[in-house]
Amino acid sequence: MVKGISRRVVVVRPPNPGIFEEAIFVIRETHESPRDILREACAVAESYLRKPKSVRRYRRKRWTSLHLFFAALCGGISVGSIWAFTAFLHFL
């Protein structure tokens, strides 16, 4: 949020707006020349274009037949062991 009565901003628009339309920089109250401010704003915008994105996205893994086989095997073993344990308790 920009507060105050008036702020100086630099709007950088790329010649090919494929990635972003414009970059807006809010300038501090310094005594830099406008050319230096514009040069730095363009350099910052270009550095963001060169940085690789390190976004981790959740990728859903597909169930293969091997996964399904082991899931069924584990389920069968657990159900069988519970059944055997309850049968053992009935004999006591």
PDB file of N, CA and C in Angstrom:
ATOM      1  N   MET A   1       0.848  -1.170   0.000  1.00  0.00           N
ATOM      2  CA  MET A   1       0.000   0.000   0.000  1.00  0.00           C
ATOM      3  C   MET A   1       0.893   1.231   0.000  1.00  0.00           C
ATOM      4  N   VAL A   2       0.581   2.161  -0.838  1.00  0.00           N
ATOM      5  CA  VAL A   2       1.334   3.403  -0.928  1.00  0.00           C
ATOM      6  C   VAL A   2       0.599   4.454  -0.117  1.00  0.00           C
ATOM      7  N   LYS A   3       1.321   5.038   0.845  1.00  0.00           N
ATOM      8  CA  LYS A   3       0.703   6.063   1.680  1.00  0.00           C
ATOM      9  C   LYS A   3       1.325   7.418   1.349  1.00  0.00           C
ATOM     10  N   GLY A   4       0.621   8.443   1.671  1.00  0.00           N
ATOM     11  CA  GLY A   4       1.131   9.788   1.439  1.00  0.00           C
ATOM     12  C   GLY A   4       0.347  10.492   0.359  1.00  0.00           C
ATOM     13  N   ILE A   5       0.713  11.730   0.157  1.00  0.00           N
ATOM     14  CA  ILE A   5      -0.006  12.549  -0.819  1.00  0.00           C
ATOM     15  C   ILE A   5       0.424  12.205  -2.237  1.00  0.00           C
ATOM     16  N   SER A   6       1.716  12.182  -2.466  1.00  0.00           N
ATOM     17  CA  SER A   6       2.190  11.874  -3.811  1.00  0.00           C
ATOM     18  C   SER A   6       3.476  11.060  -3.719  1.00  0.00           C
ATOM     19  N   ARG A   7       3.619  10.149  -4.628  1.00  0.00           N
ATOM     20  CA  ARG A   7       4.808   9.305  -4.705  1.00  0.00           C
ATOM     21  C   ARG A   7       5.315   9.329  -6.134  1.00  0.00           C
ATOM     22  N   ARG A   8       6.615   9.181  -6.249  1.00  0.00           N
ATOM     23  CA  ARG A   8       7.209   9.075  -7.580  1.00  0.00           C
ATOM     24  C   ARG A   8       7.297   7.599  -7.932  1.00  0.00           C
ATOM     25  N   VAL A   9       6.853   7.250  -9.107  1.00  0.00           N
ATOM     26  CA  VAL A   9       6.893   5.862  -9.554  1.00  0.00           C
ATOM     27  C   VAL A   9       7.530   5.796 -10.929  1.00  0.00           C
ATOM     28  N   VAL A  10       8.082   4.625 -11.224  1.00  0.00           N
ATOM     29  CA  VAL A  10       8.600   4.334 -12.555  1.00  0.00           C
ATOM     30  C   VAL A  10       7.840   3.118 -13.044  1.00  0.00           C
ATOM     31  N   VAL A  11       7.260   3.216 -14.219  1.00  0.00           N
ATOM     32  CA  VAL A  11       6.530   2.113 -14.820  1.00  0.00           C
ATOM     33  C   VAL A  11       7.365   1.618 -15.997  1.00  0.00           C
ATOM     34  N   VAL A  12       7.765   0.346 -15.927  1.00  0.00           N
ATOM     35  CA  VAL A  12       8.568  -0.261 -16.987  1.00  0.00           C
ATOM     36  C   VAL A  12       7.669  -1.211 -17.755  1.00  0.00           C
ATOM     37  N   ARG A  13       7.511  -0.952 -19.034  1.00  0.00           N
ATOM     38  CA  ARG A  13       6.709  -1.815 -19.905  1.00  0.00           C
ATOM     39  C   ARG A  13       7.648  -2.496 -20.893  1.00  0.00           C
ATOM     40  N   PRO A  14       7.630  -3.819 -20.951  1.00  0.00           N
ATOM     41  CA  PRO A  14       8.523  -4.519 -21.882  1.00  0.00           C
ATOM     42  C   PRO A  14       8.009  -4.396 -23.309  1.00  0.00           C
ATOM     43  N   PRO A  15       8.902  -4.526 -24.285  1.00  0.00           N
ATOM     44  CA  PRO A  15       8.452  -4.453 -25.675  1.00  0.00           C
ATOM     45  C   PRO A  15       7.593  -5.652 -26.075  1.00  0.00           C
ATOM     46  N   ASN A  16       7.848  -6.814 -25.471  1.00  0.00           N
ATOM     47  CA  ASN A  16       7.055  -8.011 -25.744  1.00  0.00           C
ATOM     48  C   ASN A  16       6.373  -8.420 -24.444  1.00  0.00           C
ATOM     49  N   PRO A  17       5.112  -8.063 -24.243  1.00  0.00           N
ATOM     50  CA  PRO A  17       4.460  -8.357 -22.959  1.00  0.00           C
ATOM     51  C   PRO A  17       4.000  -9.803 -22.825  1.00  0.00           C
ATOM     52  N   GLY A  18       4.908 -10.744 -23.008  1.00  0.00           N
ATOM     53  CA  GLY A  18       4.537 -12.148 -22.900  1.00  0.00           C
ATOM     54  C   GLY A  18       4.464 -12.607 -21.457  1.00  0.00           C
ATOM     55  N   ILE A  19       5.398 -12.169 -20.621  1.00  0.00           N
ATOM     56  CA  ILE A  19       5.448 -12.633 -19.239  1.00  0.00           C
ATOM     57  C   ILE A  19       4.718 -11.678 -18.315  1.00  0.00           C
ATOM     58  N   PHE A  20       4.989 -10.402 -18.428  1.00  0.00           N
ATOM     59  CA  PHE A  20       4.268  -9.432 -17.608  1.00  0.00           C
ATOM     60  C   PHE A  20       3.970  -8.199 -18.443  1.00  0.00           C
ATOM     61  N   GLU A  21       2.930  -7.492 -18.046  1.00  0.00           N
ATOM     62  CA  GLU A  21       2.540  -6.293 -18.786  1.00  0.00           C
ATOM     63  C   GLU A  21       3.389  -5.104 -18.415  1.00  0.00           C
ATOM     64  N   GLU A  22       3.540  -4.899 -17.100  1.00  0.00           N
ATOM     65  CA  GLU A  22       4.316  -3.758 -16.650  1.00  0.00           C
ATOM     66  C   GLU A  22       4.836  -4.015 -15.251  1.00  0.00           C
ATOM     67  N   ALA A  23       5.927  -3.332 -14.918  1.00  0.00           N
ATOM     68  CA  ALA A  23       6.495  -3.395 -13.572  1.00  0.00           C
ATOM     69  C   ALA A  23       6.452  -1.980 -13.012  1.00  0.00           C
ATOM     70  N   ILE A  24       5.933  -1.844 -11.806  1.00  0.00           N
ATOM     71  CA  ILE A  24       5.790  -0.528 -11.184  1.00  0.00           C
ATOM     72  C   ILE A  24       6.732  -0.458  -9.994  1.00  0.00           C
ATOM     73  N   PHE A  25       7.620   0.522  -9.998  1.00  0.00           N
ATOM     74  CA  PHE A  25       8.578   0.733  -8.925  1.00  0.00           C
ATOM     75  C   PHE A  25       8.250   2.045  -8.228  1.00  0.00           C
ATOM     76  N   VAL A  26       8.134   2.008  -6.908  1.00  0.00           N
ATOM     77  CA  VAL A  26       7.913   3.213  -6.107  1.00  0.00           C
ATOM     78  C   VAL A  26       9.292   3.722  -5.692  1.00  0.00           C
ATOM     79  N   ILE A  27       9.581   4.966  -6.017  1.00  0.00           N
ATOM     80  CA  ILE A  27      10.917   5.536  -5.829  1.00  0.00           C
ATOM     81  C   ILE A  27      11.006   6.237  -4.482  1.00  0.00           C
ATOM     82  N   ARG A  28      12.130   5.994  -3.773  1.00  0.00           N
ATOM     83  CA  ARG A  28      12.396   6.732  -2.540  1.00  0.00           C
ATOM     84  C   ARG A  28      12.765   8.164  -2.882  1.00  0.00           C
ATOM     85  N   GLU A  29      12.659   8.989  -1.889  1.00  0.00           N
ATOM     86  CA  GLU A  29      13.027  10.397  -2.085  1.00  0.00           C
ATOM     87  C   GLU A  29      14.552  10.522  -2.040  1.00  0.00           C
ATOM     88  N   THR A  30      15.190  10.294  -3.161  1.00  0.00           N
ATOM     89  CA  THR A  30      16.637  10.439  -3.271  1.00  0.00           C
ATOM     90  C   THR A  30      16.950  11.508  -4.300  1.00  0.00           C
ATOM     91  N   HIS A  31      18.191  11.833  -4.381  1.00  0.00           N
ATOM     92  CA  HIS A  31      18.619  12.866  -5.338  1.00  0.00           C
ATOM     93  C   HIS A  31      19.362  12.233  -6.508  1.00  0.00           C
ATOM     94  N   GLU A  32      18.854  11.104  -6.956  1.00  0.00           N
ATOM     95  CA  GLU A  32      19.423  10.427  -8.123  1.00  0.00           C
ATOM     96  C   GLU A  32      18.856  11.071  -9.386  1.00  0.00           C
ATOM     97  N   SER A  33      19.600  10.903 -10.458  1.00  0.00           N
ATOM     98  CA  SER A  33      19.097  11.432 -11.727  1.00  0.00           C
ATOM     99  C   SER A  33      18.023  10.488 -12.272  1.00  0.00           C
ATOM    100  N   PRO A  34      17.081  11.011 -13.019  1.00  0.00           N
ATOM    101  CA  PRO A  34      16.020  10.151 -13.572  1.00  0.00           C
ATOM    102  C   PRO A  34      16.564   9.039 -14.464  1.00  0.00           C
ATOM    103  N   ARG A  35      17.646   9.308 -15.154  1.00  0.00           N
ATOM    104  CA  ARG A  35      18.241   8.289 -16.024  1.00  0.00           C
ATOM    105  C   ARG A  35      18.794   7.125 -15.199  1.00  0.00           C
ATOM    106  N   ASP A  36      19.440   7.427 -14.060  1.00  0.00           N
ATOM    107  CA  ASP A  36      19.958   6.365 -13.190  1.00  0.00           C
ATOM    108  C   ASP A  36      18.824   5.547 -12.582  1.00  0.00           C
ATOM    109  N   ILE A  37      17.748   6.217 -12.203  1.00  0.00           N
ATOM    110  CA  ILE A  37      16.595   5.510 -11.620  1.00  0.00           C
ATOM    111  C   ILE A  37      15.980   4.579 -12.649  1.00  0.00           C
ATOM    112  N   LEU A  38      15.810   5.050 -13.859  1.00  0.00           N
ATOM    113  CA  LEU A  38      15.225   4.229 -14.916  1.00  0.00           C
ATOM    114  C   LEU A  38      16.138   3.057 -15.274  1.00  0.00           C
ATOM    115  N   ARG A  39      17.433   3.285 -15.306  1.00  0.00           N
ATOM    116  CA  ARG A  39      18.386   2.225 -15.614  1.00  0.00           C
ATOM    117  C   ARG A  39      18.332   1.124 -14.546  1.00  0.00           C
ATOM    118  N   GLU A  40      18.267   1.523 -13.274  1.00  0.00           N
ATOM    119  CA  GLU A  40      18.199   0.533 -12.201  1.00  0.00           C
ATOM    120  C   GLU A  40      16.883  -0.244 -12.230  1.00  0.00           C
ATOM    121  N   ALA A  41      15.781   0.446 -12.522  1.00  0.00           N
ATOM    122  CA  ALA A  41      14.481  -0.225 -12.607  1.00  0.00           C
ATOM    123  C   ALA A  41      14.475  -1.252 -13.739  1.00  0.00           C
ATOM    124  N   CYS A  42      15.038  -0.905 -14.874  1.00  0.00           N
ATOM    125  CA  CYS A  42      15.112  -1.855 -15.991  1.00  0.00           C
ATOM    126  C   CYS A  42      16.015  -3.036 -15.658  1.00  0.00           C
ATOM    127  N   ALA A  43      17.116  -2.769 -14.940  1.00  0.00           N
ATOM    128  CA  ALA A  43      18.024  -3.853 -14.559  1.00  0.00           C
ATOM    129  C   ALA A  43      17.340  -4.823 -13.594  1.00  0.00           C
ATOM    130  N   VAL A  44      16.573  -4.297 -12.651  1.00  0.00           N
ATOM    131  CA  VAL A  44      15.863  -5.164 -11.708  1.00  0.00           C
ATOM    132  C   VAL A  44      14.809  -5.989 -12.436  1.00  0.00           C
ATOM    133  N   ALA A  45      14.082  -5.370 -13.352  1.00  0.00           N
ATOM    134  CA  ALA A  45      13.057  -6.107 -14.104  1.00  0.00           C
ATOM    135  C   ALA A  45      13.685  -7.207 -14.951  1.00  0.00           C
ATOM    136  N   GLU A  46      14.821  -6.939 -15.573  1.00  0.00           N
ATOM    137  CA  GLU A  46      15.501  -7.956 -16.379  1.00  0.00           C
ATOM    138  C   GLU A  46      16.065  -9.071 -15.516  1.00  0.00           C
ATOM    139  N   SER A  47      16.519  -8.748 -14.305  1.00  0.00           N
ATOM    140  CA  SER A  47      17.051  -9.803 -13.433  1.00  0.00           C
ATOM    141  C   SER A  47      15.948 -10.766 -13.006  1.00  0.00           C
ATOM    142  N   TYR A  48      14.729 -10.286 -12.849  1.00  0.00           N
ATOM    143  CA  TYR A  48      13.621 -11.180 -12.518  1.00  0.00           C
ATOM    144  C   TYR A  48      13.264 -12.071 -13.690  1.00  0.00           C
ATOM    145  N   LEU A  49      13.491 -11.613 -14.898  1.00  0.00           N
ATOM    146  CA  LEU A  49      13.207 -12.448 -16.060  1.00  0.00           C
ATOM    147  C   LEU A  49      14.245 -13.550 -16.215  1.00  0.00           C
ATOM    148  N   ARG A  50      15.475 -13.305 -15.793  1.00  0.00           N
ATOM    149  CA  ARG A  50      16.537 -14.287 -15.945  1.00  0.00           C
ATOM    150  C   ARG A  50      16.534 -15.341 -14.851  1.00  0.00           C
ATOM    151  N   LYS A  51      15.943 -15.064 -13.699  1.00  0.00           N
ATOM    152  CA  LYS A  51      15.963 -16.013 -12.586  1.00  0.00           C
ATOM    153  C   LYS A  51      15.082 -17.212 -12.902  1.00  0.00           C
ATOM    154  N   PRO A  52      15.601 -18.423 -12.651  1.00  0.00           N
ATOM    155  CA  PRO A  52      14.738 -19.595 -12.841  1.00  0.00           C
ATOM    156  C   PRO A  52      13.717 -19.681 -11.717  1.00  0.00           C
ATOM    157  N   LYS A  53      12.531 -20.094 -12.065  1.00  0.00           N
ATOM    158  CA  LYS A  53      11.482 -20.212 -11.061  1.00  0.00           C
ATOM    159  C   LYS A  53      11.714 -21.483 -10.262  1.00  0.00           C
ATOM    160  N   SER A  54      11.680 -21.348  -8.967  1.00  0.00           N
ATOM    161  CA  SER A  54      11.857 -22.509  -8.097  1.00  0.00           C
ATOM    162  C   SER A  54      10.539 -22.815  -7.391  1.00  0.00           C
ATOM    163  N   VAL A  55       9.527 -22.995  -8.175  1.00  0.00           N
ATOM    164  CA  VAL A  55       8.203 -23.284  -7.627  1.00  0.00           C
ATOM    165  C   VAL A  55       8.030 -24.782  -7.563  1.00  0.00           C
ATOM    166  N   ARG A  56       7.720 -25.280  -6.383  1.00  0.00           N
ATOM    167  CA  ARG A  56       7.460 -26.702  -6.238  1.00  0.00           C
ATOM    168  C   ARG A  56       5.969 -26.927  -6.406  1.00  0.00           C
ATOM    169  N   ARG A  57       5.638 -27.722  -7.352  1.00  0.00           N
ATOM    170  CA  ARG A  57       4.231 -28.028  -7.585  1.00  0.00           C
ATOM    171  C   ARG A  57       3.970 -29.465  -7.188  1.00  0.00           C
ATOM    172  N   TYR A  58       2.791 -29.660  -6.667  1.00  0.00           N
ATOM    173  CA  TYR A  58       2.384 -31.007  -6.289  1.00  0.00           C
ATOM    174  C   TYR A  58       2.053 -31.780  -7.546  1.00  0.00           C
ATOM    175  N   ARG A  59       2.708 -32.872  -7.701  1.00  0.00           N
ATOM    176  CA  ARG A  59       2.457 -33.713  -8.859  1.00  0.00           C
ATOM    177  C   ARG A  59       1.901 -35.037  -8.385  1.00  0.00           C
ATOM    178  N   ARG A  60       0.721 -35.342  -8.795  1.00  0.00           N
ATOM    179  CA  ARG A  60       0.063 -36.570  -8.366  1.00  0.00           C
ATOM    180  C   ARG A  60       0.677 -37.756  -9.092  1.00  0.00           C
ATOM    181  N   LYS A  61       1.093 -38.719  -8.308  1.00  0.00           N
ATOM    182  CA  LYS A  61       1.686 -39.909  -8.891  1.00  0.00           C
ATOM    183  C   LYS A  61       0.594 -40.909  -9.223  1.00  0.00           C
ATOM    184  N   ARG A  62       0.792 -41.596 -10.301  1.00  0.00           N
ATOM    185  CA  ARG A  62      -0.189 -42.580 -10.724  1.00  0.00           C
ATOM    186  C   ARG A  62       0.093 -43.911 -10.046  1.00  0.00           C
ATOM    187  N   TRP A  63      -0.977 -44.622  -9.776  1.00  0.00           N
ATOM    188  CA  TRP A  63      -0.848 -45.940  -9.191  1.00  0.00           C
ATOM    189  C   TRP A  63      -0.525 -46.924 -10.299  1.00  0.00           C
ATOM    190  N   THR A  64       0.558 -47.638 -10.133  1.00  0.00           N
ATOM    191  CA  THR A  64       0.905 -48.677 -11.094  1.00  0.00           C
ATOM    192  C   THR A  64       0.355 -50.002 -10.597  1.00  0.00           C
ATOM    193  N   SER A  65       0.453 -51.016 -11.415  1.00  0.00           N
ATOM    194  CA  SER A  65      -0.054 -52.326 -11.010  1.00  0.00           C
ATOM    195  C   SER A  65       0.763 -52.893  -9.855  1.00  0.00           C
ATOM    196  N   LEU A  66       2.042 -52.537  -9.785  1.00  0.00           N
ATOM    197  CA  LEU A  66       2.871 -53.001  -8.677  1.00  0.00           C
ATOM    198  C   LEU A  66       2.411 -52.384  -7.360  1.00  0.00           C
ATOM    199  N   HIS A  67       2.070 -51.088  -7.391  1.00  0.00           N
ATOM    200  CA  HIS A  67       1.540 -50.423  -6.199  1.00  0.00           C
ATOM    201  C   HIS A  67       0.238 -51.086  -5.748  1.00  0.00           C
ATOM    202  N   LEU A  68      -0.635 -51.343  -6.696  1.00  0.00           N
ATOM    203  CA  LEU A  68      -1.915 -51.969  -6.359  1.00  0.00           C
ATOM    204  C   LEU A  68      -1.725 -53.382  -5.822  1.00  0.00           C
ATOM    205  N   PHE A  69      -0.768 -54.122  -6.375  1.00  0.00           N
ATOM    206  CA  PHE A  69      -0.497 -55.467  -5.898  1.00  0.00           C
ATOM    207  C   PHE A  69      -0.033 -55.438  -4.443  1.00  0.00           C
ATOM    208  N   PHE A  70       0.915 -54.554  -4.121  1.00  0.00           N
ATOM    209  CA  PHE A  70       1.404 -54.482  -2.747  1.00  0.00           C
ATOM    210  C   PHE A  70       0.346 -53.949  -1.786  1.00  0.00           C
ATOM    211  N   ALA A  71      -0.500 -53.050  -2.240  1.00  0.00           N
ATOM    212  CA  ALA A  71      -1.590 -52.572  -1.382  1.00  0.00           C
ATOM    213  C   ALA A  71      -2.564 -53.707  -1.082  1.00  0.00           C
ATOM    214  N   ALA A  72      -2.905 -54.509  -2.089  1.00  0.00           N
ATOM    215  CA  ALA A  72      -3.807 -55.646  -1.877  1.00  0.00           C
ATOM    216  C   ALA A  72      -3.146 -56.698  -0.995  1.00  0.00           C
ATOM    217  N   LEU A  73      -1.853 -56.924  -1.177  1.00  0.00           N
ATOM    218  CA  LEU A  73      -1.141 -57.894  -0.362  1.00  0.00           C
ATOM    219  C   LEU A  73      -1.111 -57.479   1.109  1.00  0.00           C
ATOM    220  N   CYS A  74      -0.816 -56.194   1.354  1.00  0.00           N
ATOM    221  CA  CYS A  74      -0.805 -55.684   2.742  1.00  0.00           C
ATOM    222  C   CYS A  74      -2.201 -55.751   3.355  1.00  0.00           C
ATOM    223  N   GLY A  75      -3.193 -55.409   2.589  1.00  0.00           N
ATOM    224  CA  GLY A  75      -4.567 -55.483   3.084  1.00  0.00           C
ATOM    225  C   GLY A  75      -4.964 -56.920   3.398  1.00  0.00           C
ATOM    226  N   GLY A  76      -4.591 -57.848   2.521  1.00  0.00           N
ATOM    227  CA  GLY A  76      -4.910 -59.252   2.755  1.00  0.00           C
ATOM    228  C   GLY A  76      -4.200 -59.801   3.980  1.00  0.00           C
ATOM    229  N   ILE A  77      -2.947 -59.421   4.151  1.00  0.00           N
ATOM    230  CA  ILE A  77      -2.201 -59.886   5.325  1.00  0.00           C
ATOM    231  C   ILE A  77      -2.810 -59.335   6.607  1.00  0.00           C
ATOM    232  N   SER A  78      -3.169 -58.040   6.587  1.00  0.00           N
ATOM    233  CA  SER A  78      -3.744 -57.447   7.806  1.00  0.00           C
ATOM    234  C   SER A  78      -5.116 -58.059   8.121  1.00  0.00           C
ATOM    235  N   VAL A  79      -5.960 -58.258   7.118  1.00  0.00           N
ATOM    236  CA  VAL A  79      -7.271 -58.863   7.350  1.00  0.00           C
ATOM    237  C   VAL A  79      -7.105 -60.305   7.808  1.00  0.00           C
ATOM    238  N   GLY A  80      -6.195 -61.043   7.199  1.00  0.00           N
ATOM    239  CA  GLY A  80      -5.954 -62.428   7.596  1.00  0.00           C
ATOM    240  C   GLY A  80      -5.428 -62.542   9.010  1.00  0.00           C
ATOM    241  N   SER A  81      -4.529 -61.642   9.390  1.00  0.00           N
ATOM    242  CA  SER A  81      -3.994 -61.710  10.754  1.00  0.00           C
ATOM    243  C   SER A  81      -5.060 -61.354  11.781  1.00  0.00           C
ATOM    244  N   ILE A  82      -5.919 -60.383  11.479  1.00  0.00           N
ATOM    245  CA  ILE A  82      -7.014 -60.044  12.396  1.00  0.00           C
ATOM    246  C   ILE A  82      -7.988 -61.212  12.507  1.00  0.00           C
ATOM    247  N   TRP A  83      -8.296 -61.848  11.378  1.00  0.00           N
ATOM    248  CA  TRP A  83      -9.207 -62.995  11.396  1.00  0.00           C
ATOM    249  C   TRP A  83      -8.612 -64.146  12.209  1.00  0.00           C
ATOM    250  N   ALA A  84      -7.332 -64.402  12.014  1.00  0.00           N
ATOM    251  CA  ALA A  84      -6.678 -65.490  12.753  1.00  0.00           C
ATOM    252  C   ALA A  84      -6.630 -65.168  14.258  1.00  0.00           C
ATOM    253  N   PHE A  85      -6.388 -63.926  14.595  1.00  0.00           N
ATOM    254  CA  PHE A  85      -6.337 -63.560  16.009  1.00  0.00           C
ATOM    255  C   PHE A  85      -7.698 -63.705  16.669  1.00  0.00           C
ATOM    256  N   THR A  86      -8.754 -63.284  15.984  1.00  0.00           N
ATOM    257  CA  THR A  86     -10.106 -63.425  16.552  1.00  0.00           C
ATOM    258  C   THR A  86     -10.505 -64.903  16.644  1.00  0.00           C
ATOM    259  N   ALA A  87     -10.084 -65.721  15.667  1.00  0.00           N
ATOM    260  CA  ALA A  87     -10.362 -67.153  15.728  1.00  0.00           C
ATOM    261  C   ALA A  87      -9.623 -67.787  16.900  1.00  0.00           C
ATOM    262  N   PHE A  88      -8.391 -67.318  17.146  1.00  0.00           N
ATOM    263  CA  PHE A  88      -7.615 -67.817  18.275  1.00  0.00           C
ATOM    264  C   PHE A  88      -8.291 -67.445  19.604  1.00  0.00           C
ATOM    265  N   LEU A  89      -8.861 -66.234  19.695  1.00  0.00           N
ATOM    266  CA  LEU A  89      -9.524 -65.810  20.907  1.00  0.00           C
ATOM    267  C   LEU A  89     -10.797 -66.614  21.173  1.00  0.00           C
ATOM    268  N   HIS A  90     -11.486 -67.068  20.109  1.00  0.00           N
ATOM    269  CA  HIS A  90     -12.702 -67.860  20.286  1.00  0.00           C
ATOM    270  C   HIS A  90     -12.397 -69.251  20.839  1.00  0.00           C
ATOM    271  N   PHE A  91     -11.218 -69.765  20.576  1.00  0.00           N
ATOM    272  CA  PHE A  91     -10.854 -71.084  21.100  1.00  0.00           C
ATOM    273  C   PHE A  91     -10.457 -71.040  22.567  1.00  0.00           C
ATOM    274  N   LEU A  92     -10.165 -69.858  23.097  1.00  0.00           N
ATOM    275  CA  LEU A  92      -9.769 -69.758  24.496  1.00  0.00           C
ATOM    276  C   LEU A  92     -10.906 -69.838  25.432  1.00  0.00           C
TER     277      LEU A  92
END
